[in-house]
Amino acid sequence: MHSSALLCCLVLLTGVRASPGHGTQSENSCTHFPGNLPNMLRDLRDAFSRVKTFF
């Protein structure tokens, strides 16, 4: 149970770090989402591989 909570926190932090317009409140950030999706998925895969390596 503890490892799943750690994994959820890691995914959340990765998503916050990879989100477009980090640090700004952009109203049109949804228009940039499809273009940034491959980058966000790559970051998520990297985060999961680091978690797998850790455990």
PDB file of N, CA and C in Angstrom:
ATOM      1  N   MET A   1       0.827  -1.194   0.000  1.00  0.00           N
ATOM      2  CA  MET A   1       0.000   0.000   0.000  1.00  0.00           C
ATOM      3  C   MET A   1       0.866   1.250   0.000  1.00  0.00           C
ATOM      4  N   HIS A   2       1.956   1.218   0.753  1.00  0.00           N
ATOM      5  CA  HIS A   2       2.840   2.374   0.833  1.00  0.00           C
ATOM      6  C   HIS A   2       3.492   2.660  -0.519  1.00  0.00           C
ATOM      7  N   SER A   3       3.863   1.616  -1.247  1.00  0.00           N
ATOM      8  CA  SER A   3       4.515   1.823  -2.539  1.00  0.00           C
ATOM      9  C   SER A   3       3.547   2.398  -3.561  1.00  0.00           C
ATOM     10  N   SER A   4       2.260   2.035  -3.493  1.00  0.00           N
ATOM     11  CA  SER A   4       1.297   2.598  -4.434  1.00  0.00           C
ATOM     12  C   SER A   4       1.068   4.082  -4.155  1.00  0.00           C
ATOM     13  N   ALA A   5       1.110   4.489  -2.895  1.00  0.00           N
ATOM     14  CA  ALA A   5       0.976   5.910  -2.568  1.00  0.00           C
ATOM     15  C   ALA A   5       2.183   6.686  -3.076  1.00  0.00           C
ATOM     16  N   LEU A   6       3.364   6.093  -2.957  1.00  0.00           N
ATOM     17  CA  LEU A   6       4.576   6.729  -3.470  1.00  0.00           C
ATOM     18  C   LEU A   6       4.512   6.868  -4.978  1.00  0.00           C
ATOM     19  N   LEU A   7       4.019   5.841  -5.649  1.00  0.00           N
ATOM     20  CA  LEU A   7       3.891   5.874  -7.097  1.00  0.00           C
ATOM     21  C   LEU A   7       2.907   6.954  -7.533  1.00  0.00           C
ATOM     22  N   CYS A   8       1.786   7.074  -6.841  1.00  0.00           N
ATOM     23  CA  CYS A   8       0.806   8.111  -7.176  1.00  0.00           C
ATOM     24  C   CYS A   8       1.395   9.508  -6.998  1.00  0.00           C
ATOM     25  N   CYS A   9       2.153   9.705  -5.946  1.00  0.00           N
ATOM     26  CA  CYS A   9       2.793  11.006  -5.723  1.00  0.00           C
ATOM     27  C   CYS A   9       3.802  11.310  -6.817  1.00  0.00           C
ATOM     28  N   LEU A  10       4.552  10.308  -7.223  1.00  0.00           N
ATOM     29  CA  LEU A  10       5.545  10.500  -8.276  1.00  0.00           C
ATOM     30  C   LEU A  10       4.881  10.861  -9.595  1.00  0.00           C
ATOM     31  N   VAL A  11       3.798  10.178  -9.927  1.00  0.00           N
ATOM     32  CA  VAL A  11       3.072  10.476 -11.160  1.00  0.00           C
ATOM     33  C   VAL A  11       2.491  11.878 -11.105  1.00  0.00           C
ATOM     34  N   LEU A  12       1.954  12.261  -9.976  1.00  0.00           N
ATOM     35  CA  LEU A  12       1.389  13.599  -9.825  1.00  0.00           C
ATOM     36  C   LEU A  12       2.464  14.665  -9.996  1.00  0.00           C
ATOM     37  N   LEU A  13       3.608  14.468  -9.361  1.00  0.00           N
ATOM     38  CA  LEU A  13       4.690  15.445  -9.478  1.00  0.00           C
ATOM     39  C   LEU A  13       5.237  15.509 -10.892  1.00  0.00           C
ATOM     40  N   THR A  14       5.298  14.379 -11.567  1.00  0.00           N
ATOM     41  CA  THR A  14       5.765  14.369 -12.949  1.00  0.00           C
ATOM     42  C   THR A  14       4.796  15.128 -13.835  1.00  0.00           C
ATOM     43  N   GLY A  15       3.519  14.941 -13.604  1.00  0.00           N
ATOM     44  CA  GLY A  15       2.515  15.655 -14.383  1.00  0.00           C
ATOM     45  C   GLY A  15       2.555  17.147 -14.151  1.00  0.00           C
ATOM     46  N   VAL A  16       2.790  17.560 -12.931  1.00  0.00           N
ATOM     47  CA  VAL A  16       2.883  18.983 -12.612  1.00  0.00           C
ATOM     48  C   VAL A  16       4.117  19.581 -13.269  1.00  0.00           C
ATOM     49  N   ARG A  17       5.220  18.847 -13.241  1.00  0.00           N
ATOM     50  CA  ARG A  17       6.459  19.344 -13.823  1.00  0.00           C
ATOM     51  C   ARG A  17       6.351  19.437 -15.337  1.00  0.00           C
ATOM     52  N   ALA A  18       5.651  18.503 -15.964  1.00  0.00           N
ATOM     53  CA  ALA A  18       5.588  18.448 -17.416  1.00  0.00           C
ATOM     54  C   ALA A  18       4.436  19.252 -17.998  1.00  0.00           C
ATOM     55  N   SER A  19       3.601  19.847 -17.173  1.00  0.00           N
ATOM     56  CA  SER A  19       2.436  20.544 -17.685  1.00  0.00           C
ATOM     57  C   SER A  19       2.842  21.812 -18.424  1.00  0.00           C
ATOM     58  N   PRO A  20       2.142  22.113 -19.518  1.00  0.00           N
ATOM     59  CA  PRO A  20       2.457  23.322 -20.273  1.00  0.00           C
ATOM     60  C   PRO A  20       2.096  24.568 -19.476  1.00  0.00           C
ATOM     61  N   GLY A  21       2.858  25.617 -19.644  1.00  0.00           N
ATOM     62  CA  GLY A  21       2.580  26.856 -18.939  1.00  0.00           C
ATOM     63  C   GLY A  21       2.853  26.757 -17.462  1.00  0.00           C
ATOM     64  N   HIS A  22       3.841  25.985 -17.073  1.00  0.00           N
ATOM     65  CA  HIS A  22       4.157  25.797 -15.649  1.00  0.00           C
ATOM     66  C   HIS A  22       4.499  27.138 -15.029  1.00  0.00           C
ATOM     67  N   GLY A  23       3.819  27.483 -13.957  1.00  0.00           N
ATOM     68  CA  GLY A  23       4.078  28.739 -13.272  1.00  0.00           C
ATOM     69  C   GLY A  23       3.196  29.874 -13.748  1.00  0.00           C
ATOM     70  N   THR A  24       2.411  29.638 -14.802  1.00  0.00           N
ATOM     71  CA  THR A  24       1.499  30.666 -15.292  1.00  0.00           C
ATOM     72  C   THR A  24       0.099  30.088 -15.363  1.00  0.00           C
ATOM     73  N   GLN A  25      -0.880  30.955 -15.274  1.00  0.00           N
ATOM     74  CA  GLN A  25      -2.274  30.547 -15.386  1.00  0.00           C
ATOM     75  C   GLN A  25      -2.748  30.871 -16.798  1.00  0.00           C
ATOM     76  N   SER A  26      -2.441  30.004 -17.730  1.00  0.00           N
ATOM     77  CA  SER A  26      -2.823  30.225 -19.116  1.00  0.00           C
ATOM     78  C   SER A  26      -4.215  29.655 -19.362  1.00  0.00           C
ATOM     79  N   GLU A  27      -5.101  30.477 -19.899  1.00  0.00           N
ATOM     80  CA  GLU A  27      -6.461  30.022 -20.145  1.00  0.00           C
ATOM     81  C   GLU A  27      -6.544  29.112 -21.353  1.00  0.00           C
ATOM     82  N   ASN A  28      -5.619  29.228 -22.297  1.00  0.00           N
ATOM     83  CA  ASN A  28      -5.691  28.428 -23.512  1.00  0.00           C
ATOM     84  C   ASN A  28      -4.720  27.250 -23.477  1.00  0.00           C
ATOM     85  N   SER A  29      -4.393  26.743 -22.316  1.00  0.00           N
ATOM     86  CA  SER A  29      -3.452  25.632 -22.227  1.00  0.00           C
ATOM     87  C   SER A  29      -4.036  24.355 -22.814  1.00  0.00           C
ATOM     88  N   CYS A  30      -5.358  24.244 -22.877  1.00  0.00           N
ATOM     89  CA  CYS A  30      -5.974  23.047 -23.457  1.00  0.00           C
ATOM     90  C   CYS A  30      -5.697  22.953 -24.950  1.00  0.00           C
ATOM     91  N   THR A  31      -5.470  24.069 -25.609  1.00  0.00           N
ATOM     92  CA  THR A  31      -5.181  24.014 -27.041  1.00  0.00           C
ATOM     93  C   THR A  31      -3.792  23.457 -27.305  1.00  0.00           C
ATOM     94  N   HIS A  32      -2.885  23.521 -26.337  1.00  0.00           N
ATOM     95  CA  HIS A  32      -1.534  22.996 -26.499  1.00  0.00           C
ATOM     96  C   HIS A  32      -1.415  21.551 -26.044  1.00  0.00           C
ATOM     97  N   PHE A  33      -2.467  21.012 -25.431  1.00  0.00           N
ATOM     98  CA  PHE A  33      -2.397  19.665 -24.867  1.00  0.00           C
ATOM     99  C   PHE A  33      -2.102  18.594 -25.916  1.00  0.00           C
ATOM    100  N   PRO A  34      -2.802  18.554 -27.069  1.00  0.00           N
ATOM    101  CA  PRO A  34      -2.512  17.483 -28.033  1.00  0.00           C
ATOM    102  C   PRO A  34      -1.072  17.500 -28.533  1.00  0.00           C
ATOM    103  N   GLY A  35      -0.479  18.651 -28.678  1.00  0.00           N
ATOM    104  CA  GLY A  35       0.903  18.730 -29.138  1.00  0.00           C
ATOM    105  C   GLY A  35       1.898  18.273 -28.093  1.00  0.00           C
ATOM    106  N   ASN A  36       1.570  18.456 -26.822  1.00  0.00           N
ATOM    107  CA  ASN A  36       2.481  18.085 -25.738  1.00  0.00           C
ATOM    108  C   ASN A  36       2.252  16.676 -25.216  1.00  0.00           C
ATOM    109  N   LEU A  37       1.221  15.997 -25.699  1.00  0.00           N
ATOM    110  CA  LEU A  37       0.899  14.670 -25.184  1.00  0.00           C
ATOM    111  C   LEU A  37       2.045  13.671 -25.355  1.00  0.00           C
ATOM    112  N   PRO A  38       2.706  13.577 -26.515  1.00  0.00           N
ATOM    113  CA  PRO A  38       3.823  12.619 -26.624  1.00  0.00           C
ATOM    114  C   PRO A  38       4.944  12.901 -25.623  1.00  0.00           C
ATOM    115  N   ASN A  39       5.250  14.158 -25.389  1.00  0.00           N
ATOM    116  CA  ASN A  39       6.292  14.496 -24.414  1.00  0.00           C
ATOM    117  C   ASN A  39       5.869  14.110 -23.006  1.00  0.00           C
ATOM    118  N   MET A  40       4.607  14.350 -22.680  1.00  0.00           N
ATOM    119  CA  MET A  40       4.115  14.008 -21.347  1.00  0.00           C
ATOM    120  C   MET A  40       4.115  12.490 -21.141  1.00  0.00           C
ATOM    121  N   LEU A  41       3.745  11.738 -22.181  1.00  0.00           N
ATOM    122  CA  LEU A  41       3.755  10.280 -22.070  1.00  0.00           C
ATOM    123  C   LEU A  41       5.173   9.745 -21.925  1.00  0.00           C
ATOM    124  N   ARG A  42       6.124  10.354 -22.629  1.00  0.00           N
ATOM    125  CA  ARG A  42       7.522   9.931 -22.506  1.00  0.00           C
ATOM    126  C   ARG A  42       8.030  10.189 -21.092  1.00  0.00           C
ATOM    127  N   ASP A  43       7.691  11.346 -20.532  1.00  0.00           N
ATOM    128  CA  ASP A  43       8.087  11.650 -19.150  1.00  0.00           C
ATOM    129  C   ASP A  43       7.465  10.665 -18.169  1.00  0.00           C
ATOM    130  N   LEU A  44       6.220  10.294 -18.428  1.00  0.00           N
ATOM    131  CA  LEU A  44       5.552   9.340 -17.551  1.00  0.00           C
ATOM    132  C   LEU A  44       6.211   7.963 -17.627  1.00  0.00           C
ATOM    133  N   ARG A  45       6.571   7.526 -18.835  1.00  0.00           N
ATOM    134  CA  ARG A  45       7.274   6.245 -18.979  1.00  0.00           C
ATOM    135  C   ARG A  45       8.614   6.276 -18.268  1.00  0.00           C
ATOM    136  N   ASP A  46       9.331   7.382 -18.376  1.00  0.00           N
ATOM    137  CA  ASP A  46      10.615   7.514 -17.680  1.00  0.00           C
ATOM    138  C   ASP A  46      10.427   7.438 -16.168  1.00  0.00           C
ATOM    139  N   ALA A  47       9.393   8.088 -15.668  1.00  0.00           N
ATOM    140  CA  ALA A  47       9.138   8.064 -14.225  1.00  0.00           C
ATOM    141  C   ALA A  47       8.811   6.649 -13.758  1.00  0.00           C
ATOM    142  N   PHE A  48       8.008   5.922 -14.524  1.00  0.00           N
ATOM    143  CA  PHE A  48       7.686   4.546 -14.147  1.00  0.00           C
ATOM    144  C   PHE A  48       8.920   3.660 -14.182  1.00  0.00           C
ATOM    145  N   SER A  49       9.801   3.867 -15.153  1.00  0.00           N
ATOM    146  CA  SER A  49      11.010   3.038 -15.204  1.00  0.00           C
ATOM    147  C   SER A  49      11.919   3.333 -14.016  1.00  0.00           C
ATOM    148  N   ARG A  50      11.961   4.593 -13.567  1.00  0.00           N
ATOM    149  CA  ARG A  50      12.756   4.915 -12.375  1.00  0.00           C
ATOM    150  C   ARG A  50      12.167   4.271 -11.130  1.00  0.00           C
ATOM    151  N   VAL A  51      10.838   4.226 -11.047  1.00  0.00           N
ATOM    152  CA  VAL A  51      10.197   3.580  -9.904  1.00  0.00           C
ATOM    153  C   VAL A  51      10.472   2.083  -9.935  1.00  0.00           C
ATOM    154  N   LYS A  52      10.394   1.467 -11.113  1.00  0.00           N
ATOM    155  CA  LYS A  52      10.688   0.034 -11.221  1.00  0.00           C
ATOM    156  C   LYS A  52      12.122  -0.249 -10.812  1.00  0.00           C
ATOM    157  N   THR A  53      13.043   0.603 -11.214  1.00  0.00           N
ATOM    158  CA  THR A  53      14.448   0.415 -10.852  1.00  0.00           C
ATOM    159  C   THR A  53      14.643   0.581  -9.352  1.00  0.00           C
ATOM    160  N   PHE A  54      13.914   1.509  -8.749  1.00  0.00           N
ATOM    161  CA  PHE A  54      14.040   1.752  -7.317  1.00  0.00           C
ATOM    162  C   PHE A  54      13.574   0.551  -6.504  1.00  0.00           C
ATOM    163  N   PHE A  55      12.471  -0.073  -6.927  1.00  0.00           N
ATOM    164  CA  PHE A  55      11.934  -1.207  -6.188  1.00  0.00           C
ATOM    165  C   PHE A  55      12.483  -2.483  -6.749  1.00  0.00           C
TER     166      PHE A  55
END
